[in-house]
C-alpha atoms as a PDB file:
ATOM      1  CA  MET A   1     -37.866 -50.553-191.734  1.00  0.00           C
ATOM      2  CA  LYS A   2     -40.491 -49.185-189.352  1.00  0.00           C
ATOM      3  CA  VAL A   3     -44.111 -50.499-189.742  1.00  0.00           C
ATOM      4  CA  LEU A   4     -47.247 -48.505-188.967  1.00  0.00           C
ATOM      5  CA  VAL A   5     -50.849 -49.731-188.764  1.00  0.00           C
ATOM      6  CA  PHE A   6     -53.846 -47.742-189.038  1.00  0.00           C
ATOM      7  CA  LYS A   7     -57.757 -48.678-188.713  1.00  0.00           C
ATOM      8  CA  THR A   8     -59.469 -46.640-191.430  1.00  0.00           C
ATOM      9  CA  SER A   9     -62.733 -45.730-192.869  1.00  0.00           C
ATOM     10  CA  VAL A  10     -61.812 -46.449-196.497  1.00  0.00           C
ATOM     11  CA  LYS A  11     -64.084 -49.087-197.752  1.00  0.00           C
ATOM     12  CA  ASN A  12     -63.197 -49.791-201.568  1.00  0.00           C
ATOM     13  CA  GLU A  13     -60.496 -49.608-204.450  1.00  0.00           C
ATOM     14  CA  ILE A  14     -62.120 -46.207-205.874  1.00  0.00           C
ATOM     15  CA  GLN A  15     -61.249 -44.258-202.518  1.00  0.00           C
ATOM     16  CA  VAL A  16     -57.615 -46.261-202.151  1.00  0.00           C
ATOM     17  CA  GLN A  17     -57.016 -44.939-205.845  1.00  0.00           C
ATOM     18  CA  GLN A  18     -58.193 -41.438-204.753  1.00  0.00           C
ATOM     19  CA  LEU A  19     -55.679 -41.658-202.064  1.00  0.00           C
ATOM     20  CA  GLN A  20     -52.859 -43.334-203.965  1.00  0.00           C
ATOM     21  CA  ASP A  21     -50.929 -39.938-204.999  1.00  0.00           C
ATOM     22  CA  ALA A  22     -51.052 -38.560-201.577  1.00  0.00           C
ATOM     23  CA  LEU A  23     -49.983 -41.780-199.633  1.00  0.00           C
ATOM     24  CA  ASP A  24     -46.779 -42.300-202.179  1.00  0.00           C
ATOM     25  CA  ASN A  25     -45.790 -38.719-201.329  1.00  0.00           C
ATOM     26  CA  LEU A  26     -45.278 -39.828-197.906  1.00  0.00           C
ATOM     27  CA  ILE A  27     -43.087 -42.221-198.607  1.00  0.00           C
ATOM     28  CA  SER A  28     -39.579 -42.834-200.192  1.00  0.00           C
ATOM     29  CA  SER A  29     -38.473 -45.324-202.880  1.00  0.00           C
ATOM     30  CA  GLY A  30     -38.324 -48.945-201.717  1.00  0.00           C
ATOM     31  CA  GLU A  31     -40.803 -48.023-199.200  1.00  0.00           C
ATOM     32  CA  ASN A  32     -44.670 -49.226-199.417  1.00  0.00           C
ATOM     33  CA  TRP A  33     -48.237 -49.126-198.145  1.00  0.00           C
ATOM     34  CA  ASN A  34     -51.496 -51.307-198.977  1.00  0.00           C
ATOM     35  CA  PHE A  35     -54.928 -51.578-197.588  1.00  0.00           C
ATOM     36  CA  ASP A  36     -56.393 -54.658-196.380  1.00  0.00           C
ATOM     37  CA  LEU A  37     -60.011 -54.000-197.156  1.00  0.00           C
ATOM     38  CA  GLU A  38     -61.227 -57.443-195.997  1.00  0.00           C
ATOM     39  CA  ASP A  39     -60.338 -56.706-192.477  1.00  0.00           C
ATOM     40  CA  CYS A  40     -63.059 -55.130-190.384  1.00  0.00           C
ATOM     41  CA  ASP A  41     -60.664 -52.233-189.598  1.00  0.00           C
ATOM     42  CA  ASN A  42     -59.948 -51.510-193.220  1.00  0.00           C
ATOM     43  CA  ILE A  43     -56.382 -51.731-192.415  1.00  0.00           C
ATOM     44  CA  LEU A  44     -53.715 -49.291-193.742  1.00  0.00           C
ATOM     45  CA  ARG A  45     -50.334 -50.445-193.323  1.00  0.00           C
ATOM     46  CA  PHE A  46     -46.989 -48.675-194.154  1.00  0.00           C
ATOM     47  CA  GLU A  47     -43.345 -50.140-194.360  1.00  0.00           C
ATOM     48  CA  ALA A  48     -41.260 -47.248-194.402  1.00  0.00           C
ATOM     49  CA  GLN A  49     -37.889 -45.876-192.807  1.00  0.00           C
ATOM     50  CA  ARG A  50     -39.026 -42.712-191.584  1.00  0.00           C
ATOM     51  CA  LEU A  51     -42.858 -41.767-191.543  1.00  0.00           C
ATOM     52  CA  PHE A  52     -44.844 -39.797-188.750  1.00  0.00           C
ATOM     53  CA  PRO A  53     -48.308 -41.020-187.801  1.00  0.00           C
ATOM     54  CA  ASP A  54     -49.299 -37.569-187.971  1.00  0.00           C
ATOM     55  CA  LYS A  55     -48.813 -37.039-191.381  1.00  0.00           C
ATOM     56  CA  VAL A  56     -50.806 -40.118-192.302  1.00  0.00           C
ATOM     57  CA  LEU A  57     -53.892 -39.158-189.795  1.00  0.00           C
ATOM     58  CA  MET A  58     -53.761 -35.628-191.650  1.00  0.00           C
ATOM     59  CA  THR A  59     -53.705 -36.828-195.165  1.00  0.00           C
ATOM     60  CA  LEU A  60     -56.695 -39.118-194.745  1.00  0.00           C
ATOM     61  CA  ASN A  61     -58.565 -36.462-192.690  1.00  0.00           C
ATOM     62  CA  TYR A  62     -57.881 -34.160-195.583  1.00  0.00           C
ATOM     63  CA  PHE A  63     -59.738 -36.521-198.014  1.00  0.00           C
ATOM     64  CA  GLY A  64     -62.566 -36.837-195.641  1.00  0.00           C
ATOM     65  CA  PHE A  65     -61.398 -40.152-194.006  1.00  0.00           C
ATOM     66  CA  LYS A  66     -61.234 -41.258-190.701  1.00  0.00           C
ATOM     67  CA  CYS A  67     -57.718 -42.732-189.359  1.00  0.00           C
ATOM     68  CA  GLU A  68     -56.482 -44.209-186.284  1.00  0.00           C
ATOM     69  CA  GLU A  69     -53.208 -45.612-185.539  1.00  0.00           C
ATOM     70  CA  LEU A  70     -53.127 -48.961-184.042  1.00  0.00           C
ATOM     71  CA  GLU A  71     -50.170 -50.150-181.549  1.00  0.00           C
END
């Protein structure tokens, strides 16, 4: 599995729910994503075989959120 980590402007569970379907569509069965809203950077973490950071950035931007990949 490949792990990708992003700093986001997502602040609460309501916003996570707004993104859920779109983020689910980026991954395959058996892969997952989650937010750590307790972290100061509101981390979004993906565990997936093939996932392109640009797709994640475009998805969050489409919904009006800032997103930046962390190395």
